[in-house]
Amino acid sequence: MKINPKKLIVCLAIPLAVGGLAAVLSMSGMREFDALRKPPLTPPGWVFPVVWTALYLMMGLASYLVSEAKGPREDISAALTVYGCQLALNFFWPILFFHFKLWLFAFFWLLALWLAVIATLAFFRKLDKRAGTLILPYLVWVTFAGYLNFGVYLLN
């Protein structure tokens, strides 16, 4: 497979930019997160940006693989559209949770994100199994985030 470096950089940059902008817009609420009661298994704060950065890079690589797939253009377009929708859901979740402190609403938003991640995984896997595999850790993390989100709602 010949790599298109410009396209790869764009594919990696898009989810990083989405996550970075969401983090900036929800930064004030993130500082207050330390004072909240949290459920068991909540990792230390430094884990979140490390994990999210890795996940965004995997998402970007997966989107690149799909964009370069040999499948029908309609299928590739549909897969990337679903991917874009889940990125939009991903963008708003930290703003709802950290900035606005709408913990229950954010949990239901996260459920929608979880479904969108499953759809993204399915669409990506159909076109490139490696791309689907790259989305799997994201699904696991969003599942864990749902546990943490609901736990914060219940405890606070």
C-alpha atoms as a PDB file:
ATOM      1  CA  MET A   1       0.000   0.000   0.000  1.00  0.00           C
ATOM      2  CA  LYS A   2       1.416   3.338  -1.047  1.00  0.00           C
ATOM      3  CA  ILE A   3       0.989   6.021   1.623  1.00  0.00           C
ATOM      4  CA  ASN A   4      -0.359   9.453   0.766  1.00  0.00           C
ATOM      5  CA  PRO A   5       1.452  11.522   3.443  1.00  0.00           C
ATOM      6  CA  LYS A   6      -0.655  14.682   3.066  1.00  0.00           C
ATOM      7  CA  LYS A   7      -3.918  12.755   3.362  1.00  0.00           C
ATOM      8  CA  LEU A   8      -2.561  10.782   6.321  1.00  0.00           C
ATOM      9  CA  ILE A   9      -1.579  13.986   8.137  1.00  0.00           C
ATOM     10  CA  VAL A  10      -5.032  15.479   7.523  1.00  0.00           C
ATOM     11  CA  CYS A  11      -6.728  12.288   8.726  1.00  0.00           C
ATOM     12  CA  LEU A  12      -4.610  12.312  11.898  1.00  0.00           C
ATOM     13  CA  ALA A  13      -5.056  16.055  12.457  1.00  0.00           C
ATOM     14  CA  ILE A  14      -8.861  16.100  12.241  1.00  0.00           C
ATOM     15  CA  PRO A  15      -9.636  14.004  15.354  1.00  0.00           C
ATOM     16  CA  LEU A  16      -6.737  15.608  17.245  1.00  0.00           C
ATOM     17  CA  ALA A  17      -8.160  19.047  16.443  1.00  0.00           C
ATOM     18  CA  VAL A  18     -11.672  17.981  17.454  1.00  0.00           C
ATOM     19  CA  GLY A  19     -10.418  16.626  20.766  1.00  0.00           C
ATOM     20  CA  GLY A  20      -8.087  19.549  21.379  1.00  0.00           C
ATOM     21  CA  LEU A  21     -10.769  22.157  20.755  1.00  0.00           C
ATOM     22  CA  ALA A  22     -13.257  20.301  22.954  1.00  0.00           C
ATOM     23  CA  ALA A  23     -10.642  20.143  25.720  1.00  0.00           C
ATOM     24  CA  VAL A  24      -9.959  23.873  25.469  1.00  0.00           C
ATOM     25  CA  LEU A  25     -13.683  24.683  25.569  1.00  0.00           C
ATOM     26  CA  SER A  26     -14.245  22.503  28.636  1.00  0.00           C
ATOM     27  CA  MET A  27     -10.981  23.260  30.466  1.00  0.00           C
ATOM     28  CA  SER A  28     -12.507  25.255  33.332  1.00  0.00           C
ATOM     29  CA  GLY A  29     -14.808  22.393  34.276  1.00  0.00           C
ATOM     30  CA  MET A  30     -12.012  19.852  34.013  1.00  0.00           C
ATOM     31  CA  ARG A  31     -10.179  21.597  36.858  1.00  0.00           C
ATOM     32  CA  GLU A  32     -13.230  21.175  39.087  1.00  0.00           C
ATOM     33  CA  PHE A  33     -13.432  17.467  38.232  1.00  0.00           C
ATOM     34  CA  ASP A  34     -10.758  16.674  40.842  1.00  0.00           C
ATOM     35  CA  ALA A  35     -13.081  17.857  43.631  1.00  0.00           C
ATOM     36  CA  LEU A  36     -15.941  15.550  42.587  1.00  0.00           C
ATOM     37  CA  ARG A  37     -16.672  12.176  44.125  1.00  0.00           C
ATOM     38  CA  LYS A  38     -15.804   9.544  41.555  1.00  0.00           C
ATOM     39  CA  PRO A  39     -16.610   5.859  41.155  1.00  0.00           C
ATOM     40  CA  PRO A  40     -14.072   3.119  41.852  1.00  0.00           C
ATOM     41  CA  LEU A  41     -11.534   2.487  39.072  1.00  0.00           C
ATOM     42  CA  THR A  42     -11.363   6.178  38.136  1.00  0.00           C
ATOM     43  CA  PRO A  43      -7.835   6.653  36.789  1.00  0.00           C
ATOM     44  CA  PRO A  44      -5.630   9.598  37.750  1.00  0.00           C
ATOM     45  CA  GLY A  45      -6.242  12.772  35.739  1.00  0.00           C
ATOM     46  CA  TRP A  46      -3.079  12.490  33.637  1.00  0.00           C
ATOM     47  CA  VAL A  47      -4.385   9.247  32.082  1.00  0.00           C
ATOM     48  CA  PHE A  48      -7.244  10.924  30.218  1.00  0.00           C
ATOM     49  CA  PRO A  49      -5.245  13.148  27.816  1.00  0.00           C
ATOM     50  CA  VAL A  50      -2.764  10.330  27.157  1.00  0.00           C
ATOM     51  CA  VAL A  51      -5.504   7.822  26.328  1.00  0.00           C
ATOM     52  CA  TRP A  52      -7.544  10.302  24.289  1.00  0.00           C
ATOM     53  CA  THR A  53      -4.511  11.328  22.241  1.00  0.00           C
ATOM     54  CA  ALA A  54      -3.763   7.698  21.429  1.00  0.00           C
ATOM     55  CA  LEU A  55      -7.413   7.059  20.562  1.00  0.00           C
ATOM     56  CA  TYR A  56      -7.608  10.128  18.315  1.00  0.00           C
ATOM     57  CA  LEU A  57      -4.481   8.983  16.474  1.00  0.00           C
ATOM     58  CA  MET A  58      -5.964   5.499  16.024  1.00  0.00           C
ATOM     59  CA  MET A  59      -9.231   7.042  14.769  1.00  0.00           C
ATOM     60  CA  GLY A  60      -7.304   9.175  12.325  1.00  0.00           C
ATOM     61  CA  LEU A  61      -5.296   6.235  11.037  1.00  0.00           C
ATOM     62  CA  ALA A  62      -8.475   4.175  10.711  1.00  0.00           C
ATOM     63  CA  SER A  63     -10.166   6.952   8.730  1.00  0.00           C
ATOM     64  CA  TYR A  64      -7.122   7.133   6.457  1.00  0.00           C
ATOM     65  CA  LEU A  65      -7.266   3.382   5.814  1.00  0.00           C
ATOM     66  CA  VAL A  66     -10.970   3.642   4.976  1.00  0.00           C
ATOM     67  CA  SER A  67     -10.426   6.645   2.708  1.00  0.00           C
ATOM     68  CA  GLU A  68      -7.826   4.606   0.800  1.00  0.00           C
ATOM     69  CA  ALA A  69      -9.901   1.389   0.729  1.00  0.00           C
ATOM     70  CA  LYS A  70     -10.686  -0.307  -2.561  1.00  0.00           C
ATOM     71  CA  GLY A  71     -14.421  -0.580  -1.876  1.00  0.00           C
ATOM     72  CA  PRO A  72     -17.225   1.280  -3.630  1.00  0.00           C
ATOM     73  CA  ARG A  73     -16.983   5.065  -3.223  1.00  0.00           C
ATOM     74  CA  GLU A  74     -20.529   5.132  -1.822  1.00  0.00           C
ATOM     75  CA  ASP A  75     -19.530   2.738   0.976  1.00  0.00           C
ATOM     76  CA  ILE A  76     -16.398   4.755   1.746  1.00  0.00           C
ATOM     77  CA  SER A  77     -18.411   7.971   1.783  1.00  0.00           C
ATOM     78  CA  ALA A  78     -21.041   6.429   4.084  1.00  0.00           C
ATOM     79  CA  ALA A  79     -18.354   5.129   6.457  1.00  0.00           C
ATOM     80  CA  LEU A  80     -16.630   8.502   6.645  1.00  0.00           C
ATOM     81  CA  THR A  81     -19.980  10.252   7.174  1.00  0.00           C
ATOM     82  CA  VAL A  82     -20.772   7.997  10.142  1.00  0.00           C
ATOM     83  CA  TYR A  83     -17.229   8.632  11.404  1.00  0.00           C
ATOM     84  CA  GLY A  84     -17.805  12.395  11.118  1.00  0.00           C
ATOM     85  CA  CYS A  85     -21.072  12.120  13.045  1.00  0.00           C
ATOM     86  CA  GLN A  86     -19.417  10.244  15.879  1.00  0.00           C
ATOM     87  CA  LEU A  87     -16.631  12.849  15.945  1.00  0.00           C
ATOM     88  CA  ALA A  88     -19.283  15.548  16.338  1.00  0.00           C
ATOM     89  CA  LEU A  89     -20.884  13.632  19.216  1.00  0.00           C
ATOM     90  CA  ASN A  90     -17.415  13.154  20.702  1.00  0.00           C
ATOM     91  CA  PHE A  91     -16.708  16.889  20.439  1.00  0.00           C
ATOM     92  CA  PHE A  92     -19.740  17.942  22.473  1.00  0.00           C
ATOM     93  CA  TRP A  93     -19.548  15.335  25.240  1.00  0.00           C
ATOM     94  CA  PRO A  94     -16.743  16.953  27.321  1.00  0.00           C
ATOM     95  CA  ILE A  95     -18.403  20.347  26.942  1.00  0.00           C
ATOM     96  CA  LEU A  96     -21.696  18.950  28.263  1.00  0.00           C
ATOM     97  CA  PHE A  97     -20.003  17.020  31.047  1.00  0.00           C
ATOM     98  CA  PHE A  98     -17.194  19.314  32.209  1.00  0.00           C
ATOM     99  CA  HIS A  99     -18.265  22.817  31.205  1.00  0.00           C
ATOM    100  CA  PHE A 100     -22.025  22.636  31.725  1.00  0.00           C
ATOM    101  CA  LYS A 101     -21.935  19.849  34.353  1.00  0.00           C
ATOM    102  CA  LEU A 102     -24.968  18.206  32.778  1.00  0.00           C
ATOM    103  CA  TRP A 103     -23.886  14.798  34.013  1.00  0.00           C
ATOM    104  CA  LEU A 104     -27.067  12.839  33.320  1.00  0.00           C
ATOM    105  CA  PHE A 105     -27.630  14.486  29.937  1.00  0.00           C
ATOM    106  CA  ALA A 106     -23.957  13.886  29.119  1.00  0.00           C
ATOM    107  CA  PHE A 107     -24.434  10.209  29.978  1.00  0.00           C
ATOM    108  CA  PHE A 108     -27.277   9.882  27.483  1.00  0.00           C
ATOM    109  CA  TRP A 109     -25.197  11.826  24.963  1.00  0.00           C
ATOM    110  CA  LEU A 110     -22.410   9.313  25.589  1.00  0.00           C
ATOM    111  CA  LEU A 111     -24.834   6.474  24.879  1.00  0.00           C
ATOM    112  CA  ALA A 112     -25.513   8.061  21.485  1.00  0.00           C
ATOM    113  CA  LEU A 113     -21.755   8.365  20.965  1.00  0.00           C
ATOM    114  CA  TRP A 114     -21.338   4.713  21.937  1.00  0.00           C
ATOM    115  CA  LEU A 115     -23.873   3.678  19.286  1.00  0.00           C
ATOM    116  CA  ALA A 116     -22.147   5.902  16.726  1.00  0.00           C
ATOM    117  CA  VAL A 117     -18.788   4.307  17.568  1.00  0.00           C
ATOM    118  CA  ILE A 118     -20.311   0.847  17.052  1.00  0.00           C
ATOM    119  CA  ALA A 119     -21.670   1.991  13.683  1.00  0.00           C
ATOM    120  CA  THR A 120     -18.293   3.480  12.752  1.00  0.00           C
ATOM    121  CA  LEU A 121     -16.555   0.246  13.705  1.00  0.00           C
ATOM    122  CA  ALA A 122     -18.998  -1.790  11.593  1.00  0.00           C
ATOM    123  CA  PHE A 123     -18.705   0.486   8.549  1.00  0.00           C
ATOM    124  CA  PHE A 124     -14.915   0.664   8.824  1.00  0.00           C
ATOM    125  CA  ARG A 125     -14.494  -3.082   9.361  1.00  0.00           C
ATOM    126  CA  LYS A 126     -16.517  -3.793   6.216  1.00  0.00           C
ATOM    127  CA  LEU A 127     -14.038  -1.766   4.160  1.00  0.00           C
ATOM    128  CA  ASP A 128     -10.778  -2.517   5.993  1.00  0.00           C
ATOM    129  CA  LYS A 129     -10.496  -4.941   8.915  1.00  0.00           C
ATOM    130  CA  ARG A 130      -7.471  -3.060  10.256  1.00  0.00           C
ATOM    131  CA  ALA A 131      -9.550   0.134  10.446  1.00  0.00           C
ATOM    132  CA  GLY A 132     -12.262  -1.651  12.397  1.00  0.00           C
ATOM    133  CA  THR A 133      -9.669  -3.076  14.766  1.00  0.00           C
ATOM    134  CA  LEU A 134      -8.252   0.415  15.354  1.00  0.00           C
ATOM    135  CA  ILE A 135     -11.708   1.619  16.466  1.00  0.00           C
ATOM    136  CA  LEU A 136     -12.147  -1.204  18.998  1.00  0.00           C
ATOM    137  CA  PRO A 137     -10.090   0.427  21.818  1.00  0.00           C
ATOM    138  CA  TYR A 138     -12.162   3.582  21.329  1.00  0.00           C
ATOM    139  CA  LEU A 139     -15.351   1.576  21.877  1.00  0.00           C
ATOM    140  CA  VAL A 140     -13.879   0.057  25.048  1.00  0.00           C
ATOM    141  CA  TRP A 141     -12.840   3.497  26.340  1.00  0.00           C
ATOM    142  CA  VAL A 142     -16.231   5.077  25.584  1.00  0.00           C
ATOM    143  CA  THR A 143     -17.853   2.172  27.438  1.00  0.00           C
ATOM    144  CA  PHE A 144     -15.571   2.860  30.422  1.00  0.00           C
ATOM    145  CA  ALA A 145     -16.285   6.587  30.121  1.00  0.00           C
ATOM    146  CA  GLY A 146     -19.993   5.765  30.367  1.00  0.00           C
ATOM    147  CA  TYR A 147     -19.364   3.963  33.646  1.00  0.00           C
ATOM    148  CA  LEU A 148     -17.359   6.927  34.952  1.00  0.00           C
ATOM    149  CA  ASN A 149     -19.921   9.469  33.707  1.00  0.00           C
ATOM    150  CA  PHE A 150     -22.862   7.666  35.309  1.00  0.00           C
ATOM    151  CA  GLY A 151     -20.856   7.159  38.495  1.00  0.00           C
ATOM    152  CA  VAL A 152     -20.146  10.877  38.746  1.00  0.00           C
ATOM    153  CA  TYR A 153     -23.841  11.580  38.201  1.00  0.00           C
ATOM    154  CA  LEU A 154     -24.863   9.170  40.976  1.00  0.00           C
ATOM    155  CA  LEU A 155     -22.222  10.319  43.463  1.00  0.00           C
ATOM    156  CA  ASN A 156     -22.648  14.048  42.994  1.00  0.00           C
END
